[in-house]
N, C-alpha and C. Protein backbone atom coordinates (compact mmCIF):
# COMPACT_ATOMS: atom_id res chain seq x y z
N UNK A 1 -4.43 -6.39 -3.36
CA UNK A 1 -3.63 -5.32 -3.93
C UNK A 1 -3.21 -5.53 -5.68
N UNK A 2 -3.54 -4.68 -6.29
CA UNK A 2 -3.21 -4.04 -7.13
C UNK A 2 -1.56 -5.03 -7.49
N UNK A 3 -1.56 -5.04 -8.76
CA UNK A 3 -0.31 -5.70 -9.49
C UNK A 3 0.34 -4.94 -10.09
N UNK A 4 1.59 -4.30 -10.16
CA UNK A 4 1.94 -3.07 -11.27
C UNK A 4 3.03 -3.45 -11.74
N UNK A 5 3.07 -2.92 -12.88
CA UNK A 5 4.67 -3.54 -13.86
C UNK A 5 5.35 -2.82 -14.22
N UNK A 6 6.30 -2.36 -14.14
CA UNK A 6 6.81 -1.27 -14.33
C UNK A 6 7.56 -1.66 -16.05
N UNK A 7 7.83 -0.73 -16.39
CA UNK A 7 8.36 -1.13 -18.19
C UNK A 7 9.58 0.30 -18.37
N UNK A 8 10.33 -0.29 -19.25
CA UNK A 8 11.83 0.47 -19.61
C UNK A 8 12.46 1.37 -18.51
N UNK A 9 11.83 2.88 -18.28
CA UNK A 9 12.79 3.46 -17.26
C UNK A 9 12.37 3.42 -16.15
N UNK A 10 11.13 3.16 -15.67
CA UNK A 10 10.27 2.89 -14.50
C UNK A 10 11.03 1.70 -13.51
N UNK A 11 11.39 0.86 -14.99
CA UNK A 11 11.76 0.03 -13.60
C UNK A 11 13.17 -0.55 -13.89
N UNK A 12 13.97 0.44 -14.71
CA UNK A 12 14.76 0.44 -14.22
C UNK A 12 15.60 2.16 -13.22
N UNK A 13 14.15 2.19 -12.78
CA UNK A 13 14.37 3.82 -11.86
C UNK A 13 13.69 2.65 -10.39
N UNK A 14 12.84 1.76 -10.81
CA UNK A 14 12.12 0.61 -9.33
C UNK A 14 13.20 -0.32 -9.15
N UNK A 15 14.42 -0.55 -10.10
CA UNK A 15 15.44 -1.36 -10.03
C UNK A 15 14.44 -2.80 -9.84
N UNK A 16 14.06 -3.24 -10.49
CA UNK A 16 12.44 -4.25 -10.83
C UNK A 16 11.65 -4.16 -11.36
N UNK A 17 11.08 -5.17 -11.77
CA UNK A 17 9.83 -5.13 -12.95
C UNK A 17 8.09 -4.92 -12.48
N UNK A 18 8.06 -4.86 -11.16
CA UNK A 18 6.44 -5.10 -10.66
C UNK A 18 7.27 -4.61 -9.21
N UNK A 19 5.31 -4.76 -8.84
CA UNK A 19 5.39 -4.61 -7.45
C UNK A 19 3.86 -5.02 -7.03
N UNK A 20 3.44 -5.31 -6.21
CA UNK A 20 2.19 -5.45 -5.57
C UNK A 20 1.70 -4.65 -4.81
N UNK A 21 0.76 -3.36 -4.89
CA UNK A 21 0.67 -2.52 -3.94
C UNK A 21 -1.16 -2.26 -3.53
N UNK A 22 -1.46 -2.00 -2.39
CA UNK A 22 -2.61 -1.71 -1.86
C UNK A 22 -2.73 -0.43 -1.93
N UNK A 23 -3.71 -0.11 -3.16
CA UNK A 23 -3.82 1.19 -3.52
C UNK A 23 -5.90 1.52 -3.80
N UNK A 24 -6.45 2.24 -3.74
CA UNK A 24 -7.50 1.59 -3.61
C UNK A 24 -7.63 2.52 -5.20
N UNK A 25 -7.01 3.94 -5.56
CA UNK A 25 -7.63 4.62 -6.45
C UNK A 25 -5.77 5.09 -7.53
N UNK A 26 -5.86 5.37 -8.54
CA UNK A 26 -4.56 5.55 -9.25
C UNK A 26 -3.77 7.07 -8.23
N UNK A 27 -4.59 7.76 -7.91
CA UNK A 27 -3.69 8.37 -7.59
C UNK A 27 -3.14 8.55 -6.02
N UNK A 28 -3.99 6.82 -5.41
CA UNK A 28 -3.12 6.35 -4.34
C UNK A 28 -2.03 5.80 -4.11
N UNK A 29 -2.06 5.24 -5.64
CA UNK A 29 -0.98 3.93 -6.10
C UNK A 29 0.34 5.32 -6.82
N UNK A 30 0.40 6.38 -7.40
CA UNK A 30 0.84 7.22 -7.34
C UNK A 30 2.03 7.89 -5.93
N UNK A 31 0.85 7.93 -4.98
CA UNK A 31 1.44 8.63 -3.74
C UNK A 31 2.25 7.40 -3.10
N UNK A 32 1.80 5.68 -3.28
CA UNK A 32 2.63 4.99 -2.46
C UNK A 32 4.02 4.48 -3.44
N UNK A 33 4.04 4.34 -4.64
CA UNK A 33 4.44 4.16 -5.47
C UNK A 33 6.19 4.99 -5.25
N UNK A 34 5.75 6.26 -5.08
CA UNK A 34 6.65 7.21 -5.29
C UNK A 34 7.27 7.62 -4.01
N UNK A 35 6.57 7.23 -2.60
CA UNK A 35 7.05 7.13 -1.31
C UNK A 35 8.23 5.42 -1.29
N UNK A 36 7.64 4.87 -1.91
CA UNK A 36 8.46 3.30 -2.01
C UNK A 36 9.64 3.22 -2.71
N UNK A 37 9.51 4.00 -3.65
CA UNK A 37 10.66 4.24 -4.63
C UNK A 37 11.50 5.19 -5.09
N UNK A 38 11.14 6.52 -4.49
CA UNK A 38 12.32 7.48 -4.28
C UNK A 38 12.01 8.40 -5.40
N UNK A 39 12.25 9.76 -5.12
CA UNK A 39 11.95 11.11 -5.72
C UNK A 39 12.55 10.42 -7.18
N UNK A 40 13.83 9.68 -7.28
CA UNK A 40 14.21 9.60 -9.26
C UNK A 40 12.71 8.81 -10.06
N UNK A 41 12.16 7.56 -9.29
CA UNK A 41 11.05 6.67 -9.74
C UNK A 41 9.81 7.43 -9.85
N UNK A 42 9.51 8.83 -8.73
CA UNK A 42 8.82 9.88 -8.96
C UNK A 42 8.60 11.03 -9.60
N UNK A 43 9.60 10.85 -10.02
CA UNK A 43 9.68 12.03 -11.15
C UNK A 43 9.93 11.53 -12.18
N UNK A 44 10.09 10.06 -13.25
CA UNK A 44 9.78 9.51 -13.73
C UNK A 44 8.34 8.69 -14.49
N UNK A 45 7.75 8.57 -12.83
CA UNK A 45 6.28 8.41 -12.57
C UNK A 45 4.95 9.26 -13.57
N UNK A 46 5.86 10.13 -13.52
CA UNK A 46 4.83 11.82 -13.81
C UNK A 46 4.98 11.75 -14.65
N UNK A 47 5.78 11.35 -15.61
CA UNK A 47 5.87 11.66 -17.47
C UNK A 47 5.15 10.04 -18.09
N UNK A 48 5.11 9.55 -17.03
CA UNK A 48 4.51 7.86 -17.40
C UNK A 48 2.66 7.80 -17.29
N UNK A 49 2.46 6.85 -18.52
CA UNK A 49 1.22 6.41 -18.63
C UNK A 49 0.71 5.26 -18.02
N UNK A 50 -0.35 5.34 -17.10
CA UNK A 50 -0.59 4.18 -16.53
C UNK A 50 -2.01 3.38 -17.15
N UNK A 51 -1.78 2.46 -17.11
CA UNK A 51 -3.14 1.62 -18.10
C UNK A 51 -3.29 0.74 -16.95
N UNK A 52 -4.91 0.64 -16.51
CA UNK A 52 -5.36 -0.20 -15.49
C UNK A 52 -5.92 -1.49 -16.51
N UNK A 53 -6.31 -2.75 -16.48
CA UNK A 53 -6.64 -3.50 -17.40
C UNK A 53 -6.17 -3.23 -18.59
N UNK A 54 -5.01 -2.49 -19.45
CA UNK A 54 -5.07 -2.34 -20.69
C UNK A 54 -6.25 -1.13 -21.10
N UNK A 55 -6.54 -0.56 -20.09
CA UNK A 55 -6.95 0.75 -20.65
C UNK A 55 -6.40 2.10 -19.66
N UNK A 56 -5.77 3.20 -20.39
CA UNK A 56 -5.83 4.01 -20.14
C UNK A 56 -6.27 5.19 -19.02
N UNK A 57 -5.36 4.84 -17.87
CA UNK A 57 -6.20 5.48 -16.07
C UNK A 57 -5.68 7.46 -16.74
N UNK A 58 -6.51 8.06 -17.40
CA UNK A 58 -6.24 9.38 -17.17
C UNK A 58 -6.38 10.03 -15.73
N UNK A 59 -7.17 10.14 -14.75
CA UNK A 59 -7.72 11.04 -13.84
C UNK A 59 -7.12 9.63 -12.50
N UNK A 60 -6.71 10.40 -11.42
CA UNK A 60 -6.49 9.95 -10.60
C UNK A 60 -7.35 9.67 -9.79
N UNK A 61 -8.59 9.83 -10.17
CA UNK A 61 -9.66 9.42 -9.44
C UNK A 61 -10.16 7.71 -9.62
N UNK A 62 -9.36 7.58 -10.68
CA UNK A 62 -9.51 6.11 -11.43
C UNK A 62 -9.52 4.78 -10.33
N UNK A 63 -10.82 4.33 -9.82
CA UNK A 63 -10.48 3.04 -8.48
C UNK A 63 -9.98 1.83 -8.74
N UNK A 64 -8.98 1.27 -8.41
CA UNK A 64 -8.55 0.05 -8.23
C UNK A 64 -8.70 -1.12 -7.54
N UNK A 65 -9.12 -2.06 -8.01
CA UNK A 65 -9.33 -3.10 -7.09
C UNK A 65 -8.44 -4.25 -6.99
N UNK A 66 -7.76 -5.17 -5.60
CA UNK A 66 -7.61 -5.47 -5.70
C UNK A 66 -7.05 -6.71 -7.26
N UNK A 67 -7.84 -6.68 -7.72
CA UNK A 67 -7.76 -8.27 -9.06
C UNK A 67 -6.87 -7.88 -10.25
N UNK A 68 -6.90 -5.77 -10.21
CA UNK A 68 -6.52 -4.91 -11.60
C UNK A 68 -4.93 -5.34 -11.67
N UNK A 69 -4.20 -5.11 -12.72
CA UNK A 69 -3.19 -4.82 -13.71
C UNK A 69 -2.89 -3.58 -13.64
N UNK A 70 -1.84 -2.56 -13.45
CA UNK A 70 -1.49 -1.73 -13.99
C UNK A 70 -0.26 -1.20 -14.22
N UNK A 71 -0.10 -1.35 -15.36
CA UNK A 71 0.74 -0.83 -16.28
C UNK A 71 2.03 0.53 -16.67
N UNK A 72 3.03 0.55 -16.10
CA UNK A 72 3.53 1.46 -16.14
C UNK A 72 4.44 2.24 -17.68
N UNK A 73 4.17 2.56 -18.03
CA UNK A 73 5.08 2.48 -19.17
C UNK A 73 5.07 4.52 -19.54
N UNK A 74 6.41 4.45 -19.40
CA UNK A 74 7.05 5.19 -20.28
C UNK A 74 7.30 6.30 -21.41
N UNK A 75 7.39 7.19 -21.76
CA UNK A 75 7.04 7.79 -22.95
C UNK A 75 8.37 6.88 -23.78
N UNK A 76 8.08 6.82 -24.91
CA UNK A 76 8.86 5.92 -25.88
C UNK A 76 8.92 6.44 -27.07
N UNK A 77 10.17 6.74 -27.99
CA UNK A 77 9.88 6.74 -29.42
C UNK A 77 11.13 5.10 -30.07
N UNK A 78 10.22 5.54 -31.15
CA UNK A 78 10.79 4.30 -31.85
C UNK A 78 10.95 4.53 -33.35
N UNK A 79 11.78 3.52 -34.08
CA UNK A 79 11.77 3.73 -35.50
C UNK A 79 11.97 3.10 -36.27
């Protein structure tokens, strides 16, 4: 099971800072997370960048291993 860490608005929408998810690809992970955490989380997830072991995953076909860590990073601005 991949470890998923939520940050900022994603953590707020999930009411927690992480989860362990059984998914074989980023696309499957998105589906499982949306089903588990609901429509508001799913909406935010669509705006987020996903990093697998620190590398941005831009394709839903990216494979996941049970030892992977996925960071869910909503867009943010700072100054």
